[in-house]
Amino acid sequence: MSNVNDWQRLSVRDGRRTPATLSENFSPAATRSLVYWLEGEMGYRTAGSTFDFDRLIMSIALVCDIELNPSRAYEVSLMRQLLNAASRDDDLMLDVLDATLSKSVARTQKQLRVLLRDAASVWTVREDGRGLIRRVDGTAEAAYRDATSVQDQASVELSEAWLALYGPTPNYSDAWDHAIKAMEALLGPYRCSE
């Protein structure tokens, strides 16, 4: 019996379509699904919550540089203003998703991980659930998890290198710097004394 995560469209299985390849962009259907997820995270379907969702929305808008008009909130809610802007720009959508996760309010990171996978996105939710990260080959990811399973300075530096390399805004120089520091932390005890 095949795993549900291995499901492919019938038209792909019988050769009438080619399989989806990972993409930087979102289809209209994927955008609608991501907006639905964000609505839930921003309180649209949360009855009786005492959480200040407008403050969260304003904070996300600020860090993502999205201009909201609170005086128009009676016409178009702050959430709708934010999501309308994100729906028109895939990069902005990624920023909003990443900011929502980083604000540690996301209750359904697993659901977002599945949505991104099903949308054939190159992005997924980080292991700690606090942001997005570029998907990598499963073998490389397993090696990374194995290498960082020990709680030491080398693991901390390697984690920083990984985020710098595969995070939403790759910084290759920073990744290289942290990778070198990880090696130095590992080799430190074996240095020759002068």
Protein backbone atom coordinates (compact mmCIF):
# COMPACT_ATOMS: atom_id res chain seq x y z
CA MET A 1 0.00 0.00 0.00
CA SER A 2 1.50 3.35 -0.96
CA ASN A 3 1.93 6.23 1.41
CA VAL A 4 -0.61 9.05 1.00
CA ASN A 5 2.36 11.46 0.67
CA ASP A 6 3.40 9.55 -2.46
CA TRP A 7 0.08 10.17 -4.18
CA GLN A 8 0.22 11.46 -7.74
CA ARG A 9 -2.56 12.64 -9.98
CA LEU A 10 -4.09 9.87 -12.10
CA SER A 11 -3.18 11.79 -15.25
CA VAL A 12 0.47 11.70 -14.13
CA ARG A 13 0.38 8.04 -13.16
CA ASP A 14 -0.99 7.00 -16.56
CA GLY A 15 1.39 9.26 -18.47
CA ARG A 16 -1.00 11.92 -19.79
CA ARG A 17 0.72 14.68 -17.78
CA THR A 18 4.23 15.22 -16.53
CA PRO A 19 4.79 15.27 -12.77
CA ALA A 20 4.93 18.65 -11.07
CA THR A 21 8.40 20.01 -10.46
CA LEU A 22 9.31 22.14 -7.47
CA SER A 23 8.53 25.77 -8.10
CA GLU A 24 9.46 29.16 -6.66
CA ASN A 25 5.99 30.48 -7.53
CA PHE A 26 2.46 29.59 -6.48
CA SER A 27 -0.44 28.65 -8.71
CA PRO A 28 -3.74 30.49 -8.12
CA ALA A 29 -5.06 27.38 -6.34
CA ALA A 30 -1.99 27.27 -4.07
CA THR A 31 -2.33 30.98 -3.29
CA ARG A 32 -5.97 30.48 -2.25
CA SER A 33 -4.98 27.57 0.02
CA LEU A 34 -2.19 29.62 1.61
CA VAL A 35 -4.56 32.55 2.16
CA TYR A 36 -7.01 30.18 3.83
CA TRP A 37 -4.22 28.95 6.15
CA LEU A 38 -3.20 32.53 6.96
CA GLU A 39 -6.82 33.51 7.69
CA GLY A 40 -6.97 30.76 10.29
CA GLU A 41 -3.69 31.89 11.85
CA MET A 42 -4.91 35.48 11.93
CA GLY A 43 -8.10 34.68 13.79
CA TYR A 44 -10.68 34.50 11.03
CA ARG A 45 -11.99 31.15 12.23
CA THR A 46 -11.06 31.54 15.92
CA ALA A 47 -14.21 32.18 17.93
CA GLY A 48 -13.86 33.63 21.40
CA SER A 49 -10.10 34.14 21.26
CA THR A 50 -8.63 36.89 23.43
CA PHE A 51 -5.50 37.12 21.27
CA ASP A 52 -4.98 40.55 19.67
CA PHE A 53 -4.90 39.52 16.00
CA ASP A 54 -4.92 43.13 14.73
CA ARG A 55 -1.65 43.73 16.57
CA LEU A 56 -0.19 40.59 14.98
CA ILE A 57 -1.37 41.68 11.53
CA MET A 58 0.11 45.17 11.99
CA SER A 59 3.39 43.63 13.15
CA ILE A 60 3.57 41.32 10.13
CA ALA A 61 2.70 44.21 7.82
CA LEU A 62 5.48 46.30 9.37
CA VAL A 63 8.22 43.67 9.01
CA CYS A 64 7.05 42.83 5.47
CA ASP A 65 6.71 46.52 4.51
CA ILE A 66 3.04 46.23 3.55
CA GLU A 67 1.12 49.46 3.83
CA LEU A 68 -2.17 48.97 5.69
CA ASN A 69 -4.78 51.63 6.27
CA PRO A 70 -6.31 51.20 9.76
CA SER A 71 -8.79 54.01 9.05
CA ARG A 72 -10.27 51.86 6.25
CA ALA A 73 -10.55 48.79 8.51
CA TYR A 74 -14.34 49.26 8.70
CA GLU A 75 -14.47 48.82 4.89
CA VAL A 76 -11.72 46.24 4.43
CA SER A 77 -10.33 44.52 7.51
CA LEU A 78 -6.62 44.78 8.26
CA MET A 79 -6.30 41.06 7.65
CA ARG A 80 -7.96 41.32 4.24
CA GLN A 81 -5.70 44.27 3.29
CA LEU A 82 -2.62 42.22 4.23
CA LEU A 83 -3.77 39.07 2.47
CA ASN A 84 -4.84 40.95 -0.67
CA ALA A 85 -1.32 42.37 -0.95
CA ALA A 86 0.30 38.97 -0.33
CA SER A 87 -1.99 37.29 -2.89
CA ARG A 88 -0.69 39.52 -5.66
CA ASP A 89 3.03 38.82 -5.08
CA ASP A 90 4.55 35.37 -4.48
CA ASP A 91 7.65 36.82 -2.78
CA LEU A 92 5.46 38.86 -0.47
CA MET A 93 3.37 35.75 0.27
CA LEU A 94 6.57 33.96 1.33
CA ASP A 95 7.50 36.91 3.55
CA VAL A 96 4.06 36.89 5.20
CA LEU A 97 4.15 33.13 5.75
CA ASP A 98 7.67 33.35 7.17
CA ALA A 99 6.77 36.29 9.45
CA THR A 100 3.63 34.52 10.69
CA LEU A 101 5.71 31.49 11.64
CA SER A 102 8.44 33.63 13.23
CA LYS A 103 5.93 35.43 15.44
CA SER A 104 5.40 32.01 17.05
CA VAL A 105 1.62 32.22 16.80
CA ALA A 106 1.27 29.53 14.14
CA ARG A 107 -0.63 26.64 15.60
CA THR A 108 -0.76 24.60 12.45
CA GLN A 109 2.80 24.45 11.08
CA LYS A 110 2.25 20.86 10.02
CA GLN A 111 -0.73 21.89 7.89
CA LEU A 112 1.35 24.61 6.20
CA ARG A 113 4.17 22.11 5.57
CA VAL A 114 1.64 19.83 3.81
CA LEU A 115 0.18 22.73 1.79
CA LEU A 116 3.63 23.78 0.58
CA ARG A 117 4.51 20.18 -0.29
CA ASP A 118 1.24 19.67 -2.18
CA ALA A 119 1.76 22.96 -4.02
CA ALA A 120 5.16 21.63 -5.20
CA SER A 121 6.86 24.60 -3.56
CA VAL A 122 10.62 24.73 -3.11
CA TRP A 123 9.81 26.01 0.40
CA THR A 124 8.83 24.15 3.55
CA VAL A 125 8.47 24.91 7.26
CA ARG A 126 11.72 24.81 9.24
CA GLU A 127 12.22 21.95 11.68
CA ASP A 128 11.63 24.30 14.65
CA GLY A 129 8.45 25.70 13.02
CA ARG A 130 9.70 29.30 13.31
CA GLY A 131 10.05 30.13 9.62
CA LEU A 132 10.43 28.85 6.09
CA ILE A 133 13.41 27.10 4.60
CA ARG A 134 14.26 25.87 1.14
CA ARG A 135 13.56 22.17 0.64
CA VAL A 136 16.60 20.01 0.15
CA ASP A 137 17.28 16.43 -0.82
CA GLY A 138 16.14 14.02 1.87
CA THR A 139 19.59 12.46 2.17
CA ALA A 140 21.22 15.86 2.78
CA GLU A 141 18.53 16.77 5.31
CA ALA A 142 19.03 13.46 7.17
CA ALA A 143 22.80 14.07 7.27
CA TYR A 144 22.19 17.57 8.63
CA ARG A 145 19.84 16.26 11.35
CA ASP A 146 22.36 13.59 12.29
CA ALA A 147 25.24 16.09 12.42
CA THR A 148 23.28 18.49 14.63
CA SER A 149 21.80 15.89 16.97
CA VAL A 150 24.52 16.56 19.56
CA GLN A 151 24.07 19.77 21.56
CA ASP A 152 27.45 21.45 21.16
CA GLN A 153 28.97 24.58 19.62
CA ALA A 154 29.66 22.80 16.32
CA SER A 155 25.95 21.92 16.02
CA VAL A 156 24.95 25.50 16.77
CA GLU A 157 27.30 26.83 14.07
CA LEU A 158 26.21 24.17 11.58
CA SER A 159 22.55 25.09 12.21
CA GLU A 160 23.36 28.75 11.54
CA ALA A 161 25.16 27.76 8.32
CA TRP A 162 22.16 25.67 7.22
CA LEU A 163 19.71 28.53 7.82
CA ALA A 164 21.99 31.00 6.06
CA LEU A 165 22.22 28.70 3.05
CA TYR A 166 18.64 27.43 2.77
CA GLY A 167 16.66 30.24 4.44
CA PRO A 168 14.35 32.64 2.63
CA THR A 169 17.23 35.04 1.90
CA PRO A 170 20.33 32.90 1.28
CA ASN A 171 23.59 34.44 2.48
CA TYR A 172 26.37 32.27 1.12
CA SER A 173 29.14 34.22 2.83
CA ASP A 174 27.45 33.84 6.21
CA ALA A 175 26.83 30.14 5.55
CA TRP A 176 30.49 29.65 4.72
CA ASP A 177 31.56 31.59 7.84
CA HIS A 178 29.38 29.45 10.13
CA ALA A 179 30.50 26.22 8.42
CA ILE A 180 34.13 27.17 9.11
CA LYS A 181 33.26 27.97 12.73
CA ALA A 182 31.57 24.56 13.03
CA MET A 183 34.74 22.86 11.79
CA GLU A 184 36.87 24.95 14.16
CA ALA A 185 34.62 23.93 17.05
CA LEU A 186 35.05 20.27 16.10
CA LEU A 187 38.80 20.50 15.54
CA GLY A 188 39.52 22.80 18.50
CA PRO A 189 40.49 20.01 20.91
CA TYR A 190 42.90 18.54 18.35
CA ARG A 191 44.90 21.72 17.66
CA CYS A 192 48.58 21.48 18.33
CA SER A 193 49.88 23.59 21.19
CA GLU A 194 52.64 26.02 20.42
